[in-house]
Amino acid sequence: MNARDNQILVDAWNKETNAAEGIIQDAIKRSQDHAYELGLERGKLNLNKTQLVLEKAIVAIDAMMMGTGTKLEQINGVEEVYDEIKKLYEELSC
């Protein structure tokens, strides 16, 4: 193969290789962006779940400290929120 034909072949190879690499890099970036978006959304949902459980815990602890309701109601309130905290912990620990 003469030098000119060889250079044309090399130039075409480089052009096609660069184009393919660009397509692959764009696909990887889109996949990473999508994964980040899913993780961010999941994080927001987990934060909301945590906030709700903490609000329930505060209410149960306040009721116990202020003596609202019977002793049994106070204990049941704390036990219920304790179970919710355990469940949330197990869910978020996976």
N, C-alpha and C. Protein backbone atom coordinates (compact mmCIF):
# COMPACT_ATOMS: atom_id res chain seq x y z
N MET A 1 0.86 -1.15 0.00
CA MET A 1 0.00 0.00 0.00
C MET A 1 0.91 1.23 0.00
N ASN A 2 0.57 2.18 -0.87
CA ASN A 2 1.42 3.37 -0.91
C ASN A 2 1.12 4.28 0.28
N ALA A 3 2.00 5.24 0.51
CA ALA A 3 1.93 6.09 1.70
C ALA A 3 0.64 6.91 1.74
N ARG A 4 0.18 7.40 0.60
CA ARG A 4 -1.04 8.23 0.54
C ARG A 4 -2.26 7.39 0.90
N ASP A 5 -2.39 6.20 0.33
CA ASP A 5 -3.52 5.32 0.65
C ASP A 5 -3.50 4.91 2.13
N ASN A 6 -2.29 4.66 2.62
CA ASN A 6 -2.14 4.30 4.02
C ASN A 6 -2.61 5.45 4.93
N GLN A 7 -2.24 6.69 4.57
CA GLN A 7 -2.65 7.84 5.38
C GLN A 7 -4.16 8.04 5.32
N ILE A 8 -4.77 7.82 4.17
CA ILE A 8 -6.23 7.92 4.04
C ILE A 8 -6.90 6.88 4.92
N LEU A 9 -6.37 5.67 4.90
CA LEU A 9 -6.91 4.59 5.74
C LEU A 9 -6.78 4.92 7.22
N VAL A 10 -5.62 5.42 7.64
CA VAL A 10 -5.39 5.78 9.04
C VAL A 10 -6.31 6.92 9.45
N ASP A 11 -6.46 7.93 8.61
CA ASP A 11 -7.33 9.07 8.92
C ASP A 11 -8.79 8.62 9.06
N ALA A 12 -9.24 7.77 8.17
CA ALA A 12 -10.61 7.26 8.24
C ALA A 12 -10.80 6.43 9.51
N TRP A 13 -9.80 5.60 9.82
CA TRP A 13 -9.88 4.78 11.04
C TRP A 13 -9.97 5.67 12.28
N ASN A 14 -9.12 6.69 12.36
CA ASN A 14 -9.13 7.60 13.50
C ASN A 14 -10.46 8.34 13.61
N LYS A 15 -10.99 8.80 12.49
CA LYS A 15 -12.27 9.52 12.49
C LYS A 15 -13.39 8.62 13.00
N GLU A 16 -13.48 7.40 12.52
CA GLU A 16 -14.53 6.48 12.94
C GLU A 16 -14.36 6.05 14.40
N THR A 17 -13.11 5.83 14.81
CA THR A 17 -12.83 5.44 16.19
C THR A 17 -13.22 6.56 17.15
N ASN A 18 -12.86 7.79 16.82
CA ASN A 18 -13.21 8.93 17.66
C ASN A 18 -14.72 9.11 17.76
N ALA A 19 -15.42 8.90 16.65
CA ALA A 19 -16.88 9.02 16.66
C ALA A 19 -17.50 7.95 17.56
N ALA A 20 -17.00 6.72 17.44
CA ALA A 20 -17.52 5.63 18.27
C ALA A 20 -17.23 5.88 19.75
N GLU A 21 -16.04 6.37 20.06
CA GLU A 21 -15.70 6.67 21.45
C GLU A 21 -16.61 7.76 22.01
N GLY A 22 -16.92 8.76 21.19
CA GLY A 22 -17.82 9.83 21.62
C GLY A 22 -19.21 9.31 21.94
N ILE A 23 -19.70 8.40 21.11
CA ILE A 23 -21.02 7.81 21.34
C ILE A 23 -21.03 7.00 22.63
N ILE A 24 -19.99 6.22 22.84
CA ILE A 24 -19.89 5.40 24.06
C ILE A 24 -19.80 6.30 25.29
N GLN A 25 -18.97 7.34 25.23
CA GLN A 25 -18.84 8.25 26.37
C GLN A 25 -20.17 8.96 26.68
N ASP A 26 -20.89 9.35 25.67
CA ASP A 26 -22.20 9.99 25.88
C ASP A 26 -23.18 9.02 26.54
N ALA A 27 -23.15 7.77 26.11
CA ALA A 27 -24.05 6.76 26.70
C ALA A 27 -23.70 6.52 28.17
N ILE A 28 -22.42 6.48 28.47
CA ILE A 28 -21.98 6.29 29.86
C ILE A 28 -22.41 7.49 30.71
N LYS A 29 -22.24 8.70 30.21
CA LYS A 29 -22.64 9.90 30.94
C LYS A 29 -24.15 9.90 31.20
N ARG A 30 -24.93 9.53 30.20
CA ARG A 30 -26.39 9.47 30.39
C ARG A 30 -26.77 8.43 31.43
N SER A 31 -26.09 7.29 31.41
CA SER A 31 -26.35 6.24 32.41
C SER A 31 -25.99 6.72 33.80
N GLN A 32 -24.87 7.38 33.94
CA GLN A 32 -24.45 7.90 35.25
C GLN A 32 -25.42 8.98 35.75
N ASP A 33 -25.86 9.85 34.86
CA ASP A 33 -26.82 10.89 35.24
C ASP A 33 -28.14 10.28 35.69
N HIS A 34 -28.56 9.26 35.00
CA HIS A 34 -29.82 8.58 35.35
C HIS A 34 -29.69 7.90 36.72
N ALA A 35 -28.58 7.23 36.94
CA ALA A 35 -28.36 6.56 38.23
C ALA A 35 -28.31 7.59 39.36
N TYR A 36 -27.66 8.71 39.13
CA TYR A 36 -27.60 9.77 40.14
C TYR A 36 -28.99 10.29 40.45
N GLU A 37 -29.78 10.51 39.40
CA GLU A 37 -31.15 11.01 39.58
C GLU A 37 -31.99 10.03 40.40
N LEU A 38 -31.87 8.74 40.10
CA LEU A 38 -32.61 7.73 40.86
C LEU A 38 -32.17 7.71 42.33
N GLY A 39 -30.88 7.78 42.56
CA GLY A 39 -30.36 7.79 43.92
C GLY A 39 -30.79 9.02 44.69
N LEU A 40 -30.80 10.16 44.03
CA LEU A 40 -31.23 11.40 44.66
C LEU A 40 -32.70 11.31 45.05
N GLU A 41 -33.52 10.80 44.15
CA GLU A 41 -34.96 10.66 44.44
C GLU A 41 -35.18 9.69 45.60
N ARG A 42 -34.46 8.58 45.60
CA ARG A 42 -34.58 7.60 46.69
C ARG A 42 -34.15 8.24 48.01
N GLY A 43 -33.10 9.05 47.97
CA GLY A 43 -32.63 9.74 49.16
C GLY A 43 -33.67 10.69 49.71
N LYS A 44 -34.35 11.40 48.82
CA LYS A 44 -35.42 12.32 49.26
C LYS A 44 -36.57 11.55 49.90
N LEU A 45 -36.93 10.42 49.31
CA LEU A 45 -38.00 9.60 49.89
C LEU A 45 -37.61 9.06 51.25
N ASN A 46 -36.37 8.60 51.38
CA ASN A 46 -35.88 8.10 52.66
C ASN A 46 -35.86 9.19 53.72
N LEU A 47 -35.50 10.40 53.32
CA LEU A 47 -35.50 11.53 54.25
C LEU A 47 -36.91 11.83 54.73
N ASN A 48 -37.88 11.79 53.82
CA ASN A 48 -39.28 12.04 54.21
C ASN A 48 -39.78 10.96 55.17
N LYS A 49 -39.47 9.70 54.88
CA LYS A 49 -39.87 8.60 55.77
C LYS A 49 -39.26 8.78 57.15
N THR A 50 -38.00 9.15 57.19
CA THR A 50 -37.31 9.35 58.46
C THR A 50 -37.93 10.49 59.25
N GLN A 51 -38.24 11.56 58.56
CA GLN A 51 -38.84 12.71 59.23
C GLN A 51 -40.19 12.34 59.86
N LEU A 52 -41.00 11.59 59.13
CA LEU A 52 -42.30 11.18 59.67
C LEU A 52 -42.16 10.32 60.92
N VAL A 53 -41.22 9.38 60.90
CA VAL A 53 -41.01 8.52 62.06
C VAL A 53 -40.48 9.34 63.24
N LEU A 54 -39.59 10.28 62.98
CA LEU A 54 -39.07 11.11 64.06
C LEU A 54 -40.16 11.99 64.66
N GLU A 55 -41.05 12.49 63.84
CA GLU A 55 -42.17 13.28 64.36
C GLU A 55 -43.05 12.44 65.28
N LYS A 56 -43.30 11.19 64.88
CA LYS A 56 -44.10 10.29 65.73
C LYS A 56 -43.36 10.01 67.04
N ALA A 57 -42.05 9.85 66.97
CA ALA A 57 -41.26 9.59 68.18
C ALA A 57 -41.33 10.77 69.13
N ILE A 58 -41.24 11.97 68.60
CA ILE A 58 -41.32 13.17 69.44
C ILE A 58 -42.67 13.24 70.13
N VAL A 59 -43.75 12.97 69.39
CA VAL A 59 -45.09 12.99 69.98
C VAL A 59 -45.20 11.96 71.10
N ALA A 60 -44.70 10.74 70.87
CA ALA A 60 -44.78 9.67 71.88
C ALA A 60 -43.96 10.02 73.12
N ILE A 61 -42.77 10.56 72.90
CA ILE A 61 -41.91 10.92 74.04
C ILE A 61 -42.52 12.09 74.80
N ASP A 62 -43.04 13.08 74.09
CA ASP A 62 -43.69 14.21 74.75
C ASP A 62 -44.87 13.74 75.60
N ALA A 63 -45.68 12.83 75.05
CA ALA A 63 -46.84 12.32 75.80
C ALA A 63 -46.38 11.63 77.08
N MET A 64 -45.30 10.90 77.00
CA MET A 64 -44.80 10.20 78.19
C MET A 64 -44.23 11.20 79.20
N MET A 65 -43.48 12.18 78.73
CA MET A 65 -42.86 13.14 79.65
C MET A 65 -43.89 14.07 80.30
N MET A 66 -44.95 14.41 79.56
CA MET A 66 -45.97 15.31 80.10
C MET A 66 -47.06 14.55 80.85
N GLY A 67 -47.03 13.23 80.75
CA GLY A 67 -48.02 12.43 81.45
C GLY A 67 -49.38 12.41 80.77
N THR A 68 -49.42 12.64 79.47
CA THR A 68 -50.67 12.62 78.72
C THR A 68 -51.15 11.19 78.55
N GLY A 69 -52.41 10.91 78.87
CA GLY A 69 -52.96 9.57 78.75
C GLY A 69 -52.53 8.69 79.92
N THR A 70 -52.95 7.45 79.84
CA THR A 70 -52.60 6.50 80.89
C THR A 70 -51.17 6.01 80.68
N LYS A 71 -50.60 5.41 81.72
CA LYS A 71 -49.25 4.84 81.61
C LYS A 71 -49.18 3.82 80.48
N LEU A 72 -50.23 3.00 80.37
CA LEU A 72 -50.27 1.97 79.32
C LEU A 72 -50.29 2.62 77.93
N GLU A 73 -51.06 3.68 77.75
CA GLU A 73 -51.10 4.38 76.46
C GLU A 73 -49.74 4.99 76.13
N GLN A 74 -49.10 5.53 77.16
CA GLN A 74 -47.77 6.12 76.94
C GLN A 74 -46.77 5.05 76.50
N ILE A 75 -46.77 3.94 77.21
CA ILE A 75 -45.84 2.85 76.87
C ILE A 75 -46.14 2.29 75.48
N ASN A 76 -47.42 2.09 75.19
CA ASN A 76 -47.80 1.58 73.87
C ASN A 76 -47.36 2.54 72.77
N GLY A 77 -47.51 3.85 73.01
CA GLY A 77 -47.08 4.84 72.02
C GLY A 77 -45.60 4.76 71.74
N VAL A 78 -44.81 4.63 72.79
CA VAL A 78 -43.35 4.54 72.62
C VAL A 78 -42.98 3.22 71.94
N GLU A 79 -43.63 2.12 72.32
CA GLU A 79 -43.33 0.83 71.70
C GLU A 79 -43.68 0.83 70.22
N GLU A 80 -44.80 1.45 69.85
CA GLU A 80 -45.19 1.51 68.44
C GLU A 80 -44.15 2.28 67.62
N VAL A 81 -43.74 3.43 68.14
CA VAL A 81 -42.77 4.22 67.39
C VAL A 81 -41.41 3.52 67.38
N TYR A 82 -41.07 2.80 68.44
CA TYR A 82 -39.83 2.03 68.46
C TYR A 82 -39.84 0.99 67.33
N ASP A 83 -40.97 0.31 67.16
CA ASP A 83 -41.08 -0.68 66.08
C ASP A 83 -40.92 0.00 64.72
N GLU A 84 -41.50 1.19 64.57
CA GLU A 84 -41.36 1.91 63.29
C GLU A 84 -39.91 2.33 63.05
N ILE A 85 -39.23 2.74 64.11
CA ILE A 85 -37.82 3.12 63.98
C ILE A 85 -36.98 1.90 63.57
N LYS A 86 -37.23 0.76 64.20
CA LYS A 86 -36.50 -0.47 63.83
C LYS A 86 -36.73 -0.83 62.37
N LYS A 87 -38.00 -0.77 61.96
CA LYS A 87 -38.34 -1.10 60.58
C LYS A 87 -37.67 -0.15 59.60
N LEU A 88 -37.69 1.13 59.92
CA LEU A 88 -37.04 2.11 59.07
C LEU A 88 -35.53 1.87 59.00
N TYR A 89 -34.93 1.58 60.14
CA TYR A 89 -33.50 1.30 60.19
C TYR A 89 -33.14 0.11 59.29
N GLU A 90 -33.94 -0.96 59.39
CA GLU A 90 -33.67 -2.15 58.56
C GLU A 90 -33.84 -1.82 57.08
N GLU A 91 -34.84 -1.03 56.76
CA GLU A 91 -35.08 -0.66 55.36
C GLU A 91 -33.92 0.17 54.80
N LEU A 92 -33.45 1.13 55.58
CA LEU A 92 -32.41 2.02 55.10
C LEU A 92 -31.03 1.39 55.17
N SER A 93 -30.86 0.32 55.91
CA SER A 93 -29.55 -0.32 56.06
C SER A 93 -29.24 -1.28 54.91
N CYS A 94 -30.19 -1.58 54.08
CA CYS A 94 -29.97 -2.56 53.01
C CYS A 94 -29.10 -2.03 51.91
